[in-house]
C-alpha atoms as a PDB file:
ATOM      1  CA  MET A   1     141.646 -19.027  55.763  1.00  0.00           C
ATOM      2  CA  SER A   2     140.503 -18.547  52.154  1.00  0.00           C
ATOM      3  CA  SER A   3     139.607 -15.137  50.744  1.00  0.00           C
ATOM      4  CA  SER A   4     136.005 -16.291  50.328  1.00  0.00           C
ATOM      5  CA  ASP A   5     135.710 -16.493  54.124  1.00  0.00           C
ATOM      6  CA  ARG A   6     136.168 -12.729  54.407  1.00  0.00           C
ATOM      7  CA  SER A   7     132.982 -10.724  54.110  1.00  0.00           C
ATOM      8  CA  VAL A   8     131.850  -7.114  54.166  1.00  0.00           C
ATOM      9  CA  THR A   9     128.376  -6.069  55.311  1.00  0.00           C
ATOM     10  CA  ILE A  10     126.986  -2.698  54.286  1.00  0.00           C
ATOM     11  CA  GLU A  11     123.890  -0.989  55.623  1.00  0.00           C
ATOM     12  CA  THR A  12     122.500   2.273  54.262  1.00  0.00           C
ATOM     13  CA  GLY A  13     119.192   4.109  54.072  1.00  0.00           C
ATOM     14  CA  SER A  14     117.167   5.755  51.313  1.00  0.00           C
ATOM     15  CA  ARG A  15     117.353   9.202  49.771  1.00  0.00           C
ATOM     16  CA  LEU A  16     114.515  11.676  49.413  1.00  0.00           C
ATOM     17  CA  HIS A  17     115.175  14.214  46.659  1.00  0.00           C
ATOM     18  CA  PHE A  18     113.414  17.545  47.179  1.00  0.00           C
ATOM     19  CA  GLY A  19     114.109  18.931  43.697  1.00  0.00           C
ATOM     20  CA  LEU A  20     116.654  20.337  41.246  1.00  0.00           C
ATOM     21  CA  ILE A  21     117.361  24.064  41.060  1.00  0.00           C
ATOM     22  CA  ASP A  22     118.381  24.141  37.400  1.00  0.00           C
ATOM     23  CA  PRO A  23     118.111  20.768  35.582  1.00  0.00           C
ATOM     24  CA  VAL A  24     119.147  22.290  32.232  1.00  0.00           C
ATOM     25  CA  GLY A  25     122.099  24.286  33.527  1.00  0.00           C
ATOM     26  CA  ALA A  26     121.086  27.661  32.052  1.00  0.00           C
ATOM     27  CA  SER A  27     122.499  29.341  35.163  1.00  0.00           C
ATOM     28  CA  GLY A  28     125.862  27.664  34.600  1.00  0.00           C
ATOM     29  CA  ARG A  29     125.369  24.894  37.173  1.00  0.00           C
ATOM     30  CA  LEU A  30     123.806  21.539  36.324  1.00  0.00           C
ATOM     31  CA  TYR A  31     121.796  19.412  38.745  1.00  0.00           C
ATOM     32  CA  ALA A  32     122.190  21.523  41.886  1.00  0.00           C
ATOM     33  CA  GLY A  33     119.474  20.621  44.366  1.00  0.00           C
ATOM     34  CA  ALA A  34     118.576  19.384  47.827  1.00  0.00           C
ATOM     35  CA  GLY A  35     117.587  16.175  49.551  1.00  0.00           C
ATOM     36  CA  VAL A  36     117.889  14.142  52.715  1.00  0.00           C
ATOM     37  CA  MET A  37     118.866  10.641  53.739  1.00  0.00           C
ATOM     38  CA  VAL A  38     116.349   8.632  55.783  1.00  0.00           C
ATOM     39  CA  ASP A  39     116.724   5.397  57.740  1.00  0.00           C
ATOM     40  CA  ALA A  40     113.972   3.425  56.019  1.00  0.00           C
ATOM     41  CA  PRO A  41     113.402   1.726  53.720  1.00  0.00           C
ATOM     42  CA  GLY A  42     116.993   0.525  54.164  1.00  0.00           C
ATOM     43  CA  ILE A  43     119.517  -1.635  52.338  1.00  0.00           C
ATOM     44  CA  ARG A  44     121.500  -4.443  53.953  1.00  0.00           C
ATOM     45  CA  MET A  45     124.019  -6.313  51.820  1.00  0.00           C
ATOM     46  CA  THR A  46     126.783  -8.839  52.516  1.00  0.00           C
ATOM     47  CA  ALA A  47     129.496  -9.596  49.948  1.00  0.00           C
ATOM     48  CA  ARG A  48     132.329 -12.117  49.642  1.00  0.00           C
ATOM     49  CA  LEU A  49     134.795 -13.041  46.955  1.00  0.00           C
ATOM     50  CA  ALA A  50     133.681 -16.043  44.887  1.00  0.00           C
ATOM     51  CA  GLU A  51     135.926 -18.664  43.298  1.00  0.00           C
ATOM     52  CA  GLU A  52     134.587 -19.138  39.772  1.00  0.00           C
ATOM     53  CA  ALA A  53     131.409 -17.165  39.050  1.00  0.00           C
ATOM     54  CA  ASP A  54     129.250 -14.438  40.502  1.00  0.00           C
ATOM     55  CA  ARG A  55     126.398 -15.486  42.747  1.00  0.00           C
ATOM     56  CA  VAL A  56     123.691 -13.038  43.771  1.00  0.00           C
ATOM     57  CA  THR A  57     120.780 -13.490  46.145  1.00  0.00           C
ATOM     58  CA  ALA A  58     118.372 -10.598  46.399  1.00  0.00           C
ATOM     59  CA  THR A  59     115.005  -9.322  47.552  1.00  0.00           C
ATOM     60  CA  GLN A  60     112.524  -7.356  45.417  1.00  0.00           C
ATOM     61  CA  GLY A  61     113.747  -9.061  42.226  1.00  0.00           C
ATOM     62  CA  MET A  62     116.998  -7.072  42.355  1.00  0.00           C
ATOM     63  CA  GLU A  63     119.248  -9.905  41.110  1.00  0.00           C
ATOM     64  CA  LYS A  64     119.547  -8.367  37.641  1.00  0.00           C
ATOM     65  CA  ARG A  65     120.367  -4.943  39.085  1.00  0.00           C
ATOM     66  CA  LEU A  66     123.110  -6.442  41.253  1.00  0.00           C
ATOM     67  CA  GLY A  67     124.545  -8.252  38.241  1.00  0.00           C
ATOM     68  CA  GLU A  68     124.643  -5.004  36.263  1.00  0.00           C
ATOM     69  CA  PHE A  69     126.534  -3.207  39.033  1.00  0.00           C
ATOM     70  CA  ILE A  70     129.058  -6.040  39.353  1.00  0.00           C
ATOM     71  CA  HIS A  71     129.605  -5.913  35.578  1.00  0.00           C
ATOM     72  CA  ARG A  72     130.102  -2.138  35.645  1.00  0.00           C
ATOM     73  CA  TYR A  73     132.533  -2.501  38.526  1.00  0.00           C
ATOM     74  CA  ARG A  74     134.658  -5.030  36.610  1.00  0.00           C
ATOM     75  CA  GLU A  75     134.577  -2.870  33.492  1.00  0.00           C
ATOM     76  CA  ALA A  76     135.691   0.216  35.417  1.00  0.00           C
ATOM     77  CA  THR A  77     138.440  -1.432  37.465  1.00  0.00           C
ATOM     78  CA  GLY A  78     139.657  -4.120  35.067  1.00  0.00           C
ATOM     79  CA  CYS A  79     139.502  -6.694  37.870  1.00  0.00           C
ATOM     80  CA  ARG A  80     138.676 -10.317  37.071  1.00  0.00           C
ATOM     81  CA  ALA A  81     137.333 -11.221  40.488  1.00  0.00           C
ATOM     82  CA  HIS A  82     133.931 -12.766  41.064  1.00  0.00           C
ATOM     83  CA  PHE A  83     131.619 -11.936  43.929  1.00  0.00           C
ATOM     84  CA  ASP A  84     129.024 -13.625  46.094  1.00  0.00           C
ATOM     85  CA  ILE A  85     126.516 -10.963  47.158  1.00  0.00           C
ATOM     86  CA  GLU A  86     123.463 -11.421  49.361  1.00  0.00           C
ATOM     87  CA  LEU A  87     120.963  -8.550  49.451  1.00  0.00           C
ATOM     88  CA  ALA A  88     118.933  -9.152  52.598  1.00  0.00           C
ATOM     89  CA  ALA A  89     116.889  -5.929  52.524  1.00  0.00           C
ATOM     90  CA  CYS A  90     116.261  -3.398  49.785  1.00  0.00           C
ATOM     91  CA  PRO A  91     113.350  -1.285  48.527  1.00  0.00           C
ATOM     92  CA  ALA A  92     112.239  -1.775  44.949  1.00  0.00           C
ATOM     93  CA  ASP A  93     113.877   0.276  42.213  1.00  0.00           C
ATOM     94  CA  HIS A  94     112.487   3.525  40.747  1.00  0.00           C
ATOM     95  CA  LEU A  95     110.327   4.577  43.694  1.00  0.00           C
ATOM     96  CA  GLY A  96     112.006   7.973  44.105  1.00  0.00           C
ATOM     97  CA  LEU A  97     114.090   6.613  46.998  1.00  0.00           C
ATOM     98  CA  GLY A  98     117.476   6.622  45.269  1.00  0.00           C
ATOM     99  CA  THR A  99     117.721   2.826  45.478  1.00  0.00           C
ATOM    100  CA  GLY A 100     119.953   2.541  42.409  1.00  0.00           C
ATOM    101  CA  THR A 101     122.554   4.927  43.802  1.00  0.00           C
ATOM    102  CA  GLN A 102     122.570   3.402  47.293  1.00  0.00           C
ATOM    103  CA  LEU A 103     122.836  -0.102  45.859  1.00  0.00           C
ATOM    104  CA  GLY A 104     125.503   0.900  43.324  1.00  0.00           C
ATOM    105  CA  MET A 105     127.543   2.620  46.033  1.00  0.00           C
ATOM    106  CA  ALA A 106     127.158  -0.421  48.294  1.00  0.00           C
ATOM    107  CA  VAL A 107     128.370  -2.792  45.566  1.00  0.00           C
ATOM    108  CA  SER A 108     131.328  -0.565  44.675  1.00  0.00           C
ATOM    109  CA  SER A 109     132.300  -0.060  48.316  1.00  0.00           C
ATOM    110  CA  ALA A 110     131.983  -3.760  49.153  1.00  0.00           C
ATOM    111  CA  CYS A 111     133.921  -4.985  46.128  1.00  0.00           C
ATOM    112  CA  SER A 112     136.636  -2.370  46.645  1.00  0.00           C
ATOM    113  CA  SER A 113     136.975  -3.357  50.318  1.00  0.00           C
ATOM    114  CA  LEU A 114     137.279  -7.046  49.453  1.00  0.00           C
ATOM    115  CA  LEU A 115     139.937  -6.342  46.803  1.00  0.00           C
ATOM    116  CA  GLY A 116     141.786  -3.696  48.811  1.00  0.00           C
ATOM    117  CA  LEU A 117     141.213  -1.077  46.108  1.00  0.00           C
ATOM    118  CA  GLU A 118     141.279   2.407  47.561  1.00  0.00           C
ATOM    119  CA  GLY A 119     139.604   5.479  46.099  1.00  0.00           C
ATOM    120  CA  ASP A 120     137.951   8.741  47.019  1.00  0.00           C
ATOM    121  CA  LEU A 121     134.172   9.210  46.938  1.00  0.00           C
ATOM    122  CA  GLU A 122     134.091  10.202  43.265  1.00  0.00           C
ATOM    123  CA  THR A 123     136.197   7.181  42.324  1.00  0.00           C
ATOM    124  CA  ILE A 124     134.010   4.767  44.280  1.00  0.00           C
ATOM    125  CA  ALA A 125     130.880   6.271  42.685  1.00  0.00           C
ATOM    126  CA  GLY A 126     132.387   6.129  39.206  1.00  0.00           C
ATOM    127  CA  ARG A 127     133.108   2.407  39.456  1.00  0.00           C
ATOM    128  CA  THR A 128     129.367   1.710  39.233  1.00  0.00           C
ATOM    129  CA  ASP A 129     128.491   4.863  37.248  1.00  0.00           C
ATOM    130  CA  ARG A 130     126.746   6.751  40.052  1.00  0.00           C
ATOM    131  CA  GLY A 131     126.383  10.522  40.510  1.00  0.00           C
ATOM    132  CA  ARG A 132     126.054  11.427  36.840  1.00  0.00           C
ATOM    133  CA  ARG A 133     123.208  13.832  37.569  1.00  0.00           C
ATOM    134  CA  SER A 134     122.313  14.694  41.144  1.00  0.00           C
ATOM    135  CA  SER A 135     125.035  13.826  43.653  1.00  0.00           C
ATOM    136  CA  ILE A 136     122.746  13.887  46.709  1.00  0.00           C
ATOM    137  CA  GLY A 137     122.630  10.096  46.980  1.00  0.00           C
ATOM    138  CA  VAL A 138     126.391   9.687  46.614  1.00  0.00           C
ATOM    139  CA  HIS A 139     127.165  12.264  49.300  1.00  0.00           C
ATOM    140  CA  GLY A 140     124.325  10.851  51.381  1.00  0.00           C
ATOM    141  CA  PHE A 141     125.831   7.357  51.252  1.00  0.00           C
ATOM    142  CA  GLU A 142     129.052   8.713  52.742  1.00  0.00           C
ATOM    143  CA  ASN A 143     127.692  11.349  55.132  1.00  0.00           C
ATOM    144  CA  GLY A 144     123.939  11.117  55.692  1.00  0.00           C
ATOM    145  CA  GLY A 145     122.086  14.304  56.600  1.00  0.00           C
ATOM    146  CA  PHE A 146     120.121  17.043  54.839  1.00  0.00           C
ATOM    147  CA  LEU A 147     122.271  17.867  51.830  1.00  0.00           C
ATOM    148  CA  VAL A 148     122.540  20.653  49.262  1.00  0.00           C
ATOM    149  CA  ASP A 149     124.289  19.663  46.043  1.00  0.00           C
ATOM    150  CA  ASP A 150     126.130  22.649  44.518  1.00  0.00           C
ATOM    151  CA  GLY A 151     125.822  21.397  40.927  1.00  0.00           C
ATOM    152  CA  LYS A 152     128.556  21.193  38.293  1.00  0.00           C
ATOM    153  CA  LEU A 153     129.651  22.893  35.098  1.00  0.00           C
ATOM    154  CA  GLU A 154     129.481  19.793  32.881  1.00  0.00           C
ATOM    155  CA  GLU A 155     127.974  16.308  32.875  1.00  0.00           C
ATOM    156  CA  ALA A 156     131.160  14.533  33.962  1.00  0.00           C
ATOM    157  CA  GLY A 157     132.312  14.376  37.564  1.00  0.00           C
ATOM    158  CA  LEU A 158     130.695  14.534  40.970  1.00  0.00           C
ATOM    159  CA  SER A 159     129.046  17.737  42.161  1.00  0.00           C
ATOM    160  CA  PRO A 160     130.558  19.263  45.309  1.00  0.00           C
ATOM    161  CA  LEU A 161     128.526  19.427  48.495  1.00  0.00           C
ATOM    162  CA  ARG A 162     127.458  22.943  49.524  1.00  0.00           C
ATOM    163  CA  HIS A 163     125.742  22.149  52.834  1.00  0.00           C
ATOM    164  CA  ARG A 164     125.343  19.173  55.130  1.00  0.00           C
ATOM    165  CA  ILE A 165     123.005  19.597  58.098  1.00  0.00           C
ATOM    166  CA  GLU A 166     121.857  17.137  60.752  1.00  0.00           C
ATOM    167  CA  LEU A 167     118.116  17.540  61.147  1.00  0.00           C
ATOM    168  CA  PRO A 168     116.571  17.033  64.607  1.00  0.00           C
ATOM    169  CA  GLU A 169     116.259  13.379  65.639  1.00  0.00           C
ATOM    170  CA  ALA A 170     112.677  14.020  66.770  1.00  0.00           C
ATOM    171  CA  TRP A 171     111.539  14.851  63.229  1.00  0.00           C
ATOM    172  CA  HIS A 172     109.966  12.029  61.235  1.00  0.00           C
ATOM    173  CA  PHE A 173     108.934  11.579  57.625  1.00  0.00           C
ATOM    174  CA  VAL A 174     105.852   9.664  56.574  1.00  0.00           C
ATOM    175  CA  LEU A 175     106.304   8.122  53.117  1.00  0.00           C
ATOM    176  CA  VAL A 176     103.346   7.188  50.926  1.00  0.00           C
ATOM    177  CA  ILE A 177     104.433   4.762  48.198  1.00  0.00           C
ATOM    178  CA  ALA A 178     101.773   4.161  45.550  1.00  0.00           C
ATOM    179  CA  PRO A 179     101.554   0.416  44.872  1.00  0.00           C
ATOM    180  CA  GLY A 180     102.265  -0.741  41.329  1.00  0.00           C
ATOM    181  CA  HIS A 181     103.872   2.509  40.172  1.00  0.00           C
ATOM    182  CA  ARG A 182     107.439   3.398  39.177  1.00  0.00           C
ATOM    183  CA  GLY A 183     109.070   6.738  38.392  1.00  0.00           C
ATOM    184  CA  LEU A 184     110.785   7.552  35.119  1.00  0.00           C
ATOM    185  CA  SER A 185     114.248   6.052  34.669  1.00  0.00           C
ATOM    186  CA  GLY A 186     116.847   5.072  32.092  1.00  0.00           C
ATOM    187  CA  ARG A 187     116.170   6.133  28.504  1.00  0.00           C
ATOM    188  CA  GLN A 188     112.799   7.736  29.314  1.00  0.00           C
ATOM    189  CA  GLU A 189     114.366   9.908  32.005  1.00  0.00           C
ATOM    190  CA  ALA A 190     117.264  10.887  29.739  1.00  0.00           C
ATOM    191  CA  GLU A 191     114.863  11.859  26.939  1.00  0.00           C
ATOM    192  CA  CYS A 192     112.845  13.988  29.354  1.00  0.00           C
ATOM    193  CA  PHE A 193     115.933  15.964  30.345  1.00  0.00           C
ATOM    194  CA  THR A 194     116.738  16.682  26.688  1.00  0.00           C
ATOM    195  CA  LYS A 195     113.266  18.210  26.208  1.00  0.00           C
ATOM    196  CA  LEU A 196     113.306  20.519  29.236  1.00  0.00           C
ATOM    197  CA  GLU A 197     113.147  24.253  28.689  1.00  0.00           C
ATOM    198  CA  PRO A 198     115.702  26.517  30.435  1.00  0.00           C
ATOM    199  CA  VAL A 199     114.604  27.539  33.926  1.00  0.00           C
ATOM    200  CA  ALA A 200     114.026  31.298  34.246  1.00  0.00           C
ATOM    201  CA  GLU A 201     116.620  33.278  36.211  1.00  0.00           C
ATOM    202  CA  ARG A 202     113.973  34.501  38.645  1.00  0.00           C
ATOM    203  CA  THR A 203     112.927  30.906  39.342  1.00  0.00           C
ATOM    204  CA  VAL A 204     116.516  29.858  40.035  1.00  0.00           C
ATOM    205  CA  ALA A 205     116.854  32.882  42.338  1.00  0.00           C
ATOM    206  CA  GLN A 206     113.611  31.974  44.111  1.00  0.00           C
ATOM    207  CA  LEU A 207     114.770  28.407  44.737  1.00  0.00           C
ATOM    208  CA  GLU A 208     118.174  29.605  45.945  1.00  0.00           C
ATOM    209  CA  ALA A 209     116.475  32.011  48.344  1.00  0.00           C
ATOM    210  CA  LEU A 210     114.277  29.248  49.725  1.00  0.00           C
ATOM    211  CA  LEU A 211     117.383  27.170  50.342  1.00  0.00           C
ATOM    212  CA  GLU A 212     119.705  29.778  51.807  1.00  0.00           C
ATOM    213  CA  GLU A 213     117.180  31.941  53.650  1.00  0.00           C
ATOM    214  CA  ALA A 214     114.728  29.305  54.876  1.00  0.00           C
ATOM    215  CA  LEU A 215     115.604  25.618  54.546  1.00  0.00           C
ATOM    216  CA  VAL A 216     119.262  25.763  55.576  1.00  0.00           C
ATOM    217  CA  PRO A 217     118.874  28.088  58.589  1.00  0.00           C
ATOM    218  CA  ALA A 218     115.634  26.414  59.710  1.00  0.00           C
ATOM    219  CA  GLY A 219     117.264  22.991  59.431  1.00  0.00           C
ATOM    220  CA  ARG A 220     120.164  24.147  61.578  1.00  0.00           C
ATOM    221  CA  LYS A 221     117.853  25.664  64.200  1.00  0.00           C
ATOM    222  CA  GLY A 222     115.359  22.805  64.165  1.00  0.00           C
ATOM    223  CA  ASP A 223     112.568  25.205  63.199  1.00  0.00           C
ATOM    224  CA  TRP A 224     109.989  22.703  61.962  1.00  0.00           C
ATOM    225  CA  PRO A 225     107.253  25.178  60.849  1.00  0.00           C
ATOM    226  CA  VAL A 226     109.619  27.301  58.733  1.00  0.00           C
ATOM    227  CA  PHE A 227     111.417  24.266  57.296  1.00  0.00           C
ATOM    228  CA  SER A 228     108.112  22.582  56.443  1.00  0.00           C
ATOM    229  CA  ARG A 229     106.630  25.573  54.623  1.00  0.00           C
ATOM    230  CA  ALA A 230     109.822  26.192  52.658  1.00  0.00           C
ATOM    231  CA  LEU A 231     110.147  22.483  51.827  1.00  0.00           C
ATOM    232  CA  HIS A 232     106.677  22.338  50.283  1.00  0.00           C
ATOM    233  CA  GLU A 233     107.221  25.523  48.277  1.00  0.00           C
ATOM    234  CA  PHE A 234     110.661  24.407  47.099  1.00  0.00           C
ATOM    235  CA  GLY A 235     109.280  21.073  45.872  1.00  0.00           C
ATOM    236  CA  LEU A 236     106.398  22.638  43.958  1.00  0.00           C
ATOM    237  CA  ILE A 237     108.590  25.204  42.186  1.00  0.00           C
ATOM    238  CA  ALA A 238     111.427  22.780  41.432  1.00  0.00           C
ATOM    239  CA  GLY A 239     108.934  20.254  40.061  1.00  0.00           C
ATOM    240  CA  GLN A 240     107.326  22.609  37.546  1.00  0.00           C
ATOM    241  CA  PRO A 241     109.651  21.716  34.605  1.00  0.00           C
ATOM    242  CA  PHE A 242     108.719  18.038  35.006  1.00  0.00           C
ATOM    243  CA  GLN A 243     104.941  18.393  35.196  1.00  0.00           C
ATOM    244  CA  GLU A 244     104.323  17.728  31.518  1.00  0.00           C
ATOM    245  CA  ALA A 245     106.354  14.507  31.590  1.00  0.00           C
ATOM    246  CA  GLN A 246     104.611  13.112  34.679  1.00  0.00           C
ATOM    247  CA  GLY A 247     101.135  14.542  34.127  1.00  0.00           C
ATOM    248  CA  GLY A 248     100.971  17.156  36.877  1.00  0.00           C
ATOM    249  CA  ALA A 249     102.570  18.172  40.134  1.00  0.00           C
ATOM    250  CA  PHE A 250     102.519  14.542  41.302  1.00  0.00           C
ATOM    251  CA  SER A 251     103.141  11.384  39.300  1.00  0.00           C
ATOM    252  CA  THR A 252     100.190   9.398  40.708  1.00  0.00           C
ATOM    253  CA  ALA A 253      96.602  10.102  41.676  1.00  0.00           C
ATOM    254  CA  LEU A 254      97.292   8.631  45.128  1.00  0.00           C
ATOM    255  CA  ALA A 255     100.175  11.058  45.761  1.00  0.00           C
ATOM    256  CA  SER A 256      98.016  13.991  44.643  1.00  0.00           C
ATOM    257  CA  GLN A 257      95.095  12.950  46.847  1.00  0.00           C
ATOM    258  CA  ALA A 258      97.292  12.166  49.849  1.00  0.00           C
ATOM    259  CA  ALA A 259      99.083  15.516  49.502  1.00  0.00           C
ATOM    260  CA  GLU A 260      95.761  17.359  49.410  1.00  0.00           C
ATOM    261  CA  TYR A 261      94.554  15.489  52.485  1.00  0.00           C
ATOM    262  CA  LEU A 262      97.753  16.179  54.458  1.00  0.00           C
ATOM    263  CA  LEU A 263      97.847  19.860  53.543  1.00  0.00           C
ATOM    264  CA  GLU A 264      94.214  20.301  54.579  1.00  0.00           C
ATOM    265  CA  ALA A 265      95.104  18.617  57.879  1.00  0.00           C
ATOM    266  CA  GLY A 266      97.798  21.238  58.485  1.00  0.00           C
ATOM    267  CA  VAL A 267     100.856  19.179  57.501  1.00  0.00           C
ATOM    268  CA  GLU A 268     102.807  21.634  55.357  1.00  0.00           C
ATOM    269  CA  GLY A 269     106.059  19.804  54.597  1.00  0.00           C
ATOM    270  CA  VAL A 270     104.622  17.673  51.799  1.00  0.00           C
ATOM    271  CA  GLY A 271     106.250  16.879  48.464  1.00  0.00           C
ATOM    272  CA  GLN A 272     107.222  14.239  45.944  1.00  0.00           C
ATOM    273  CA  SER A 273     110.666  12.681  45.990  1.00  0.00           C
ATOM    274  CA  SER A 274     112.322  12.802  42.565  1.00  0.00           C
ATOM    275  CA  TRP A 275     110.044  11.222  39.915  1.00  0.00           C
ATOM    276  CA  GLY A 276     107.954   9.565  42.584  1.00  0.00           C
ATOM    277  CA  PRO A 277     105.786   7.712  43.197  1.00  0.00           C
ATOM    278  CA  THR A 278     106.955   8.290  46.796  1.00  0.00           C
ATOM    279  CA  LEU A 279     105.270  11.200  48.564  1.00  0.00           C
ATOM    280  CA  TYR A 280     106.853  12.497  51.766  1.00  0.00           C
ATOM    281  CA  ALA A 281     105.391  14.448  54.677  1.00  0.00           C
ATOM    282  CA  LEU A 282     107.510  15.917  57.457  1.00  0.00           C
ATOM    283  CA  LEU A 283     106.141  15.679  61.014  1.00  0.00           C
ATOM    284  CA  PRO A 284     107.658  17.173  64.202  1.00  0.00           C
ATOM    285  CA  GLY A 285     107.643  13.944  66.229  1.00  0.00           C
ATOM    286  CA  ARG A 286     107.049  10.194  66.268  1.00  0.00           C
ATOM    287  CA  GLN A 287     103.553  10.401  67.697  1.00  0.00           C
ATOM    288  CA  GLU A 288     102.394  12.889  65.074  1.00  0.00           C
ATOM    289  CA  ALA A 289     103.912  10.695  62.364  1.00  0.00           C
ATOM    290  CA  GLU A 290     102.145   7.583  63.660  1.00  0.00           C
ATOM    291  CA  THR A 291      98.807   9.406  63.778  1.00  0.00           C
ATOM    292  CA  ALA A 292      99.234  10.717  60.206  1.00  0.00           C
ATOM    293  CA  ALA A 293     100.343   7.305  58.925  1.00  0.00           C
ATOM    294  CA  GLU A 294      97.366   5.523  60.467  1.00  0.00           C
ATOM    295  CA  GLU A 295      94.936   8.053  59.006  1.00  0.00           C
ATOM    296  CA  LEU A 296      96.516   7.674  55.565  1.00  0.00           C
ATOM    297  CA  ARG A 297      96.304   3.878  55.721  1.00  0.00           C
ATOM    298  CA  LYS A 298      92.632   4.006  56.674  1.00  0.00           C
ATOM    299  CA  ARG A 299      91.611   6.735  54.252  1.00  0.00           C
ATOM    300  CA  PHE A 300      93.381   5.286  51.193  1.00  0.00           C
ATOM    301  CA  ARG A 301      93.284   1.583  52.162  1.00  0.00           C
ATOM    302  CA  LEU A 302      97.034   1.164  52.182  1.00  0.00           C
ATOM    303  CA  ASP A 303      99.227  -1.497  53.765  1.00  0.00           C
ATOM    304  CA  ARG A 304     102.088  -0.915  56.223  1.00  0.00           C
ATOM    305  CA  GLU A 305     104.764  -1.217  53.508  1.00  0.00           C
ATOM    306  CA  GLU A 306     102.923   1.464  51.493  1.00  0.00           C
ATOM    307  CA  VAL A 307     102.925   4.002  54.328  1.00  0.00           C
ATOM    308  CA  VAL A 308     106.325   4.061  56.019  1.00  0.00           C
ATOM    309  CA  ILE A 309     107.461   6.077  59.043  1.00  0.00           C
ATOM    310  CA  THR A 310     111.155   6.957  59.023  1.00  0.00           C
ATOM    311  CA  ARG A 311     113.648   9.387  60.562  1.00  0.00           C
ATOM    312  CA  PRO A 312     116.277  11.609  58.958  1.00  0.00           C
ATOM    313  CA  ARG A 313     119.541   9.647  58.768  1.00  0.00           C
ATOM    314  CA  SER A 314     122.444  11.735  60.007  1.00  0.00           C
ATOM    315  CA  ARG A 315     125.173   9.156  59.447  1.00  0.00           C
ATOM    316  CA  GLY A 316     126.735   7.577  56.421  1.00  0.00           C
ATOM    317  CA  ALA A 317     126.592   3.934  55.397  1.00  0.00           C
ATOM    318  CA  SER A 318     127.852   1.323  57.846  1.00  0.00           C
ATOM    319  CA  VAL A 319     130.673  -0.801  56.361  1.00  0.00           C
ATOM    320  CA  LYS A 320     131.832  -3.760  58.476  1.00  0.00           C
ATOM    321  CA  MET A 321     134.495  -6.304  57.542  1.00  0.00           C
ATOM    322  CA  ALA A 322     134.507  -9.798  59.069  1.00  0.00           C
ATOM    323  CA  ASP A 323     136.797 -12.831  58.763  1.00  0.00           C
END
């Protein structure tokens, strides 16, 4: 049996990022923050070794992105292998869902499995240059769950994980994804970080208190009202340094209007994931999530793929080898 007959299939979810505590590092820790993995939108990818040249098949126009990750992998490992990768499901890039990190981790994990190259989490992430800022997506790929990233002292390396909590299975997130919009990325994102002012000590302390005194204990207890209120407050405060770059508390008019509507309806756990455009709302159960999603679709004339119902993902990526 040739090596090209062996395949590895990887499935993972998406990452919602609730906000950074100190994006400048004035407190001594860079990029500490919190987020959660969710089941959908998900990624499903199958990879094999190829004989002469790379071959990529992808959804959402992600062929170029896959090619970049394969190139980074070869540069980092020095391997000369070629890969045949089929991306059967994947959300578009730069929606605030951590697609780049999940896809980069999937490529690195798949290629390493096919070549028999071992490595710890930081090594696997480094082979496709993931985890340079927030490490929520990297830890989420391995573990799933509601995660608190402890931050790091310098740009290099992977931040350690402070907390990992499995949120109740009954809880659901409703995601509102503004069509035609993308969050900041690449050079624009890097330039934004260089222009940020230091976060005040009292603000860092306030965010830490929301994490340690509300979000973490409420997540462990399954206290949806307390978790929801703290989640909304955490997102608003953590997002303040980025308001000038994105034009307000939310990056799109749709997110702003949908947030206002949800809050007025009594849904408190509302916020923007990373740079957006994805808005999330936490509901206590499936039925409540379906009702909220249907109202949002009607009110803002959105399609099913623009209003997504998903659950917290409390497991890491699935990696399956086949001959």
